[in-house]
Amino acid sequence: MRALTARRGLADPLPPAAALALLAVAAAALEASVLCWASVGALAGYALSGSV
């Protein structure tokens, strides 16, 4: 039962999307434009892949 709960938590699409969004905001704040656009592109690819 505990393994199923852990697997369900790892399969949840919210944590990776939230991490990528946080990375994009942090990169924008640090004026790291390449990293910012890379994380925005990763968010777009993640959304278009059907994972969300």
N, C-alpha and C. Protein backbone atom coordinates (compact mmCIF):
# COMPACT_ATOMS: atom_id res chain seq x y z
N MET A 1 0.82 -1.19 0.00
CA MET A 1 0.00 0.00 0.00
C MET A 1 0.87 1.26 0.00
N ARG A 2 1.94 1.24 0.78
CA ARG A 2 2.82 2.41 0.87
C ARG A 2 3.55 2.63 -0.46
N ALA A 3 3.92 1.54 -1.16
CA ALA A 3 4.61 1.67 -2.44
C ALA A 3 3.70 2.30 -3.49
N LEU A 4 2.42 1.95 -3.42
CA LEU A 4 1.46 2.53 -4.36
C LEU A 4 1.31 4.03 -4.12
N THR A 5 1.30 4.44 -2.87
CA THR A 5 1.20 5.86 -2.55
C THR A 5 2.44 6.62 -3.02
N ALA A 6 3.62 6.02 -2.83
CA ALA A 6 4.86 6.65 -3.28
C ALA A 6 4.89 6.75 -4.81
N ARG A 7 4.45 5.71 -5.48
CA ARG A 7 4.44 5.73 -6.94
C ARG A 7 3.46 6.78 -7.46
N ARG A 8 2.33 6.89 -6.80
CA ARG A 8 1.34 7.89 -7.21
C ARG A 8 1.88 9.30 -7.01
N GLY A 9 2.63 9.50 -5.92
CA GLY A 9 3.23 10.81 -5.68
C GLY A 9 4.30 11.16 -6.70
N LEU A 10 5.06 10.16 -7.14
CA LEU A 10 6.09 10.40 -8.15
C LEU A 10 5.50 10.63 -9.53
N ALA A 11 4.31 10.07 -9.78
CA ALA A 11 3.68 10.21 -11.09
C ALA A 11 2.84 11.48 -11.20
N ASP A 12 2.68 12.19 -10.10
CA ASP A 12 1.90 13.42 -10.11
C ASP A 12 2.59 14.48 -10.97
N PRO A 13 1.89 15.12 -11.90
CA PRO A 13 2.54 16.08 -12.79
C PRO A 13 2.85 17.43 -12.14
N LEU A 14 2.31 17.70 -10.97
CA LEU A 14 2.50 19.01 -10.36
C LEU A 14 3.93 19.28 -9.91
N PRO A 15 4.63 18.37 -9.23
CA PRO A 15 5.99 18.70 -8.76
C PRO A 15 6.99 19.07 -9.87
N PRO A 16 7.07 18.31 -10.98
CA PRO A 16 8.02 18.74 -12.02
C PRO A 16 7.63 20.07 -12.67
N ALA A 17 6.34 20.28 -12.87
CA ALA A 17 5.91 21.55 -13.47
C ALA A 17 6.20 22.71 -12.53
N ALA A 18 5.96 22.50 -11.25
CA ALA A 18 6.25 23.55 -10.27
C ALA A 18 7.75 23.83 -10.18
N ALA A 19 8.56 22.78 -10.25
CA ALA A 19 10.01 22.95 -10.19
C ALA A 19 10.52 23.72 -11.41
N LEU A 20 9.99 23.39 -12.59
CA LEU A 20 10.40 24.11 -13.80
C LEU A 20 9.94 25.56 -13.77
N ALA A 21 8.74 25.81 -13.26
CA ALA A 21 8.26 27.19 -13.16
C ALA A 21 9.12 27.99 -12.18
N LEU A 22 9.48 27.37 -11.06
CA LEU A 22 10.34 28.04 -10.09
C LEU A 22 11.72 28.31 -10.68
N LEU A 23 12.24 27.37 -11.45
CA LEU A 23 13.52 27.57 -12.12
C LEU A 23 13.45 28.74 -13.11
N ALA A 24 12.35 28.83 -13.84
CA ALA A 24 12.19 29.93 -14.81
C ALA A 24 12.16 31.28 -14.11
N VAL A 25 11.44 31.36 -13.00
CA VAL A 25 11.34 32.62 -12.26
C VAL A 25 12.69 32.98 -11.65
N ALA A 26 13.38 31.99 -11.08
CA ALA A 26 14.69 32.26 -10.48
C ALA A 26 15.70 32.70 -11.53
N ALA A 27 15.67 32.06 -12.69
CA ALA A 27 16.59 32.43 -13.76
C ALA A 27 16.30 33.83 -14.27
N ALA A 28 15.03 34.18 -14.34
CA ALA A 28 14.67 35.53 -14.78
C ALA A 28 15.14 36.56 -13.76
N ALA A 29 15.01 36.23 -12.48
CA ALA A 29 15.45 37.15 -11.43
C ALA A 29 16.96 37.35 -11.46
N LEU A 30 17.69 36.30 -11.83
CA LEU A 30 19.15 36.40 -11.90
C LEU A 30 19.63 36.91 -13.25
N GLU A 31 18.69 37.24 -14.12
CA GLU A 31 18.98 37.71 -15.47
C GLU A 31 19.80 36.69 -16.26
N ALA A 32 19.50 35.42 -16.05
CA ALA A 32 20.12 34.34 -16.80
C ALA A 32 19.14 33.96 -17.92
N SER A 33 19.16 34.73 -18.98
CA SER A 33 18.13 34.59 -20.01
C SER A 33 18.15 33.23 -20.70
N VAL A 34 19.32 32.66 -20.91
CA VAL A 34 19.38 31.35 -21.59
C VAL A 34 18.73 30.28 -20.73
N LEU A 35 19.04 30.27 -19.44
CA LEU A 35 18.44 29.30 -18.54
C LEU A 35 16.95 29.54 -18.38
N CYS A 36 16.55 30.79 -18.37
CA CYS A 36 15.13 31.12 -18.26
C CYS A 36 14.37 30.58 -19.47
N TRP A 37 14.87 30.84 -20.67
CA TRP A 37 14.18 30.36 -21.86
C TRP A 37 14.24 28.84 -21.98
N ALA A 38 15.32 28.24 -21.50
CA ALA A 38 15.41 26.78 -21.52
C ALA A 38 14.36 26.16 -20.60
N SER A 39 14.16 26.75 -19.44
CA SER A 39 13.15 26.21 -18.52
C SER A 39 11.73 26.48 -19.03
N VAL A 40 11.51 27.60 -19.68
CA VAL A 40 10.21 27.87 -20.28
C VAL A 40 9.95 26.87 -21.41
N GLY A 41 10.96 26.58 -22.20
CA GLY A 41 10.83 25.59 -23.26
C GLY A 41 10.57 24.20 -22.71
N ALA A 42 11.20 23.88 -21.59
CA ALA A 42 10.95 22.58 -20.95
C ALA A 42 9.52 22.50 -20.44
N LEU A 43 9.01 23.60 -19.90
CA LEU A 43 7.60 23.62 -19.46
C LEU A 43 6.66 23.42 -20.64
N ALA A 44 6.95 24.07 -21.75
CA ALA A 44 6.11 23.94 -22.94
C ALA A 44 6.15 22.50 -23.46
N GLY A 45 7.34 21.94 -23.53
CA GLY A 45 7.46 20.55 -24.00
C GLY A 45 6.76 19.59 -23.07
N TYR A 46 6.86 19.82 -21.78
CA TYR A 46 6.20 18.97 -20.79
C TYR A 46 4.69 19.05 -20.95
N ALA A 47 4.18 20.26 -21.18
CA ALA A 47 2.74 20.42 -21.34
C ALA A 47 2.25 19.80 -22.65
N LEU A 48 3.03 19.95 -23.71
CA LEU A 48 2.62 19.41 -25.01
C LEU A 48 2.77 17.90 -25.11
N SER A 49 3.57 17.31 -24.22
CA SER A 49 3.78 15.86 -24.30
C SER A 49 2.59 15.09 -23.76
N GLY A 50 1.66 15.77 -23.12
CA GLY A 50 0.51 15.08 -22.55
C GLY A 50 0.75 14.63 -21.14
N SER A 51 1.86 15.03 -20.53
CA SER A 51 2.17 14.63 -19.17
C SER A 51 1.31 15.37 -18.17
N VAL A 52 0.82 16.53 -18.56
CA VAL A 52 0.04 17.34 -17.61
C VAL A 52 -1.42 17.06 -17.81
